[in-house]
Amino acid sequence: MERRKFLNLGLVAAAVVLAPMTNLNAVNFRETKPKAWEIEKSADAIKEMFGAGELKTTDKIKFTAPKLAENGGSIPISLSTDLDIETIALFQDANPRSATVVFSVPEGQKVDYSFRIKMRQTAVVTIVAKAKDGTLYTLAKEIDVSIGGCGG
């Protein structure tokens, strides 16, 4: 047997053995919280997604976004924190539906996410993070949009 084939078979065997040990479970929030995805206002969507618990303003979540987005069709967002988070979500009031993205954070994983969103106009973007102990953390930032990205 050639060395390359032998190594490939070894990698496949290792993957087969290790795959059942990984615990990657994600919640499909569009199925579990369908009403939250239809609501226009952030405050109402947050209540639908996370309940009516108290939101604690925090500076322990780093939220990076441009103050001025020249094109609302592609706005870069970065979120990171060392808090023990189970769910983190982004809401905004610029589009017809406020809920934009929700992440289930696997056990023991740190939050360090980068992604892009669309906004059709200037609005406040709100981050809500649910800690493992049930505490709801929040922070917000206004993003000025020059050219709308949702049909604008």
Protein backbone atom coordinates (compact mmCIF):
# COMPACT_ATOMS: atom_id res chain seq x y z
CA MET A 1 0.00 0.00 0.00
CA GLU A 2 1.29 3.46 -0.83
CA ARG A 3 2.17 5.73 2.05
CA ARG A 4 -0.25 8.45 0.92
CA LYS A 5 -3.22 6.04 0.81
CA PHE A 6 -2.24 4.64 4.20
CA LEU A 7 -2.15 8.15 5.74
CA ASN A 8 -5.50 9.07 4.15
CA LEU A 9 -7.11 5.92 5.52
CA GLY A 10 -5.66 6.73 8.94
CA LEU A 11 -7.16 10.22 8.85
CA VAL A 12 -10.56 8.88 7.81
CA ALA A 13 -10.46 6.28 10.59
CA ALA A 14 -9.55 8.95 13.15
CA ALA A 15 -12.41 11.16 11.96
CA VAL A 16 -14.88 8.28 12.25
CA VAL A 17 -13.74 7.54 15.79
CA LEU A 18 -13.71 11.19 16.95
CA ALA A 19 -16.90 12.38 15.23
CA PRO A 20 -19.31 10.83 17.78
CA MET A 21 -17.36 12.52 20.60
CA THR A 22 -18.12 16.02 19.37
CA ASN A 23 -21.29 17.59 20.66
CA LEU A 24 -22.47 20.12 18.10
CA ASN A 25 -26.08 20.97 18.82
CA ALA A 26 -27.65 24.09 17.39
CA VAL A 27 -31.09 25.47 18.12
CA ASN A 28 -33.14 26.40 15.07
CA PHE A 29 -34.63 29.64 16.37
CA ARG A 30 -36.82 30.02 13.27
CA GLU A 31 -38.65 26.87 14.39
CA THR A 32 -38.55 27.37 18.17
CA LYS A 33 -39.29 31.14 18.14
CA PRO A 34 -41.08 31.79 14.80
CA LYS A 35 -42.93 34.95 15.96
CA ALA A 36 -39.65 36.67 16.88
CA TRP A 37 -38.65 36.64 13.19
CA GLU A 38 -41.80 38.49 12.09
CA ILE A 39 -41.70 41.42 14.55
CA GLU A 40 -40.68 44.91 13.36
CA LYS A 41 -39.45 46.52 16.59
CA SER A 42 -36.35 45.31 18.41
CA ALA A 43 -37.83 45.58 21.92
CA ASP A 44 -40.77 43.35 20.97
CA ALA A 45 -38.57 40.83 19.11
CA ILE A 46 -36.19 40.61 22.07
CA LYS A 47 -39.11 39.88 24.44
CA GLU A 48 -40.41 37.21 22.06
CA MET A 49 -36.95 35.62 21.71
CA PHE A 50 -35.69 35.84 25.31
CA GLY A 51 -38.76 36.53 27.45
CA ALA A 52 -39.43 39.55 29.64
CA GLY A 53 -36.30 39.18 31.80
CA GLU A 54 -34.22 42.17 32.85
CA LEU A 55 -31.59 43.26 30.31
CA LYS A 56 -28.30 44.28 31.93
CA THR A 57 -26.18 46.74 29.99
CA THR A 58 -22.60 45.47 29.73
CA ASP A 59 -19.20 46.45 28.43
CA LYS A 60 -17.96 42.83 28.61
CA ILE A 61 -19.07 42.17 25.05
CA LYS A 62 -16.96 43.75 22.34
CA PHE A 63 -19.22 44.92 19.52
CA THR A 64 -17.42 46.30 16.48
CA ALA A 65 -19.34 47.95 13.65
CA PRO A 66 -18.76 51.05 11.53
CA LYS A 67 -20.25 54.31 12.77
CA LEU A 68 -21.00 55.15 9.13
CA ALA A 69 -21.80 52.38 6.65
CA GLU A 70 -21.40 53.71 3.11
CA ASN A 71 -23.40 50.78 1.75
CA GLY A 72 -26.17 49.20 3.84
CA GLY A 73 -25.98 46.07 1.69
CA SER A 74 -22.88 44.78 3.48
CA ILE A 75 -22.15 46.05 6.98
CA PRO A 76 -19.35 44.22 8.82
CA ILE A 77 -20.12 43.25 12.43
CA SER A 78 -17.83 41.58 14.98
CA LEU A 79 -18.82 40.22 18.39
CA SER A 80 -16.50 38.80 21.02
CA THR A 81 -16.66 38.12 24.76
CA ASP A 82 -15.19 35.97 27.48
CA LEU A 83 -18.59 35.68 29.22
CA ASP A 84 -20.06 32.18 29.46
CA ILE A 85 -22.74 32.71 26.79
CA GLU A 86 -25.28 30.18 25.53
CA THR A 87 -27.03 32.41 22.96
CA ILE A 88 -26.16 35.73 21.34
CA ALA A 89 -28.42 37.67 18.96
CA LEU A 90 -28.48 40.87 16.92
CA PHE A 91 -31.59 43.03 16.40
CA GLN A 92 -32.11 46.25 14.42
CA ASP A 93 -35.04 48.51 13.55
CA ALA A 94 -33.95 49.47 10.02
CA ASN A 95 -35.59 46.56 8.21
CA PRO A 96 -39.15 45.19 8.22
CA ARG A 97 -38.06 42.37 10.55
CA SER A 98 -35.95 43.19 13.59
CA ALA A 99 -34.32 39.83 14.38
CA THR A 100 -31.24 39.57 12.19
CA VAL A 101 -29.05 36.73 13.48
CA VAL A 102 -28.97 34.37 16.48
CA PHE A 103 -26.08 32.10 17.44
CA SER A 104 -26.18 29.09 19.75
CA VAL A 105 -22.80 28.97 21.46
CA PRO A 106 -21.51 25.41 22.04
CA GLU A 107 -20.45 24.46 25.58
CA GLY A 108 -17.01 25.83 26.40
CA GLN A 109 -16.66 27.85 23.19
CA LYS A 110 -15.74 31.52 23.28
CA VAL A 111 -17.75 34.02 21.28
CA ASP A 112 -15.62 35.52 18.51
CA TYR A 113 -17.88 35.98 15.48
CA SER A 114 -17.63 38.15 12.38
CA PHE A 115 -20.41 38.47 9.81
CA ARG A 116 -22.18 41.00 7.59
CA ILE A 117 -25.73 42.31 7.74
CA LYS A 118 -27.99 44.43 5.52
CA MET A 119 -29.72 47.59 6.69
CA ARG A 120 -31.89 49.81 4.54
CA GLN A 121 -31.49 52.92 6.70
CA THR A 122 -29.80 54.36 9.79
CA ALA A 123 -30.83 52.56 12.98
CA VAL A 124 -29.75 51.31 16.37
CA VAL A 125 -28.34 47.79 16.38
CA THR A 126 -28.90 45.91 19.65
CA ILE A 127 -26.97 42.87 20.86
CA VAL A 128 -28.54 40.55 23.44
CA ALA A 129 -26.57 37.70 24.98
CA LYS A 130 -28.01 35.05 27.28
CA ALA A 131 -25.47 33.66 29.75
CA LYS A 132 -25.52 30.05 30.94
CA ASP A 133 -26.91 31.28 34.29
CA GLY A 134 -29.86 32.95 32.49
CA THR A 135 -28.62 36.55 32.80
CA LEU A 136 -29.45 38.69 29.77
CA TYR A 137 -26.74 41.15 28.73
CA THR A 138 -27.24 43.89 26.17
CA LEU A 139 -25.48 46.72 24.38
CA ALA A 140 -26.43 48.90 21.45
CA LYS A 141 -24.84 51.07 18.79
CA GLU A 142 -26.29 53.34 16.12
CA ILE A 143 -25.09 52.71 12.58
CA ASP A 144 -25.57 55.48 10.02
CA VAL A 145 -26.35 54.08 6.57
CA SER A 146 -25.58 56.18 3.47
CA ILE A 147 -27.02 53.88 0.80
CA GLY A 148 -29.74 51.40 1.79
CA GLY A 149 -29.03 47.72 1.32
CA CYS A 150 -32.55 46.32 1.32
CA GLY A 151 -33.97 47.75 -1.84
CA GLY A 152 -32.74 51.30 -1.17
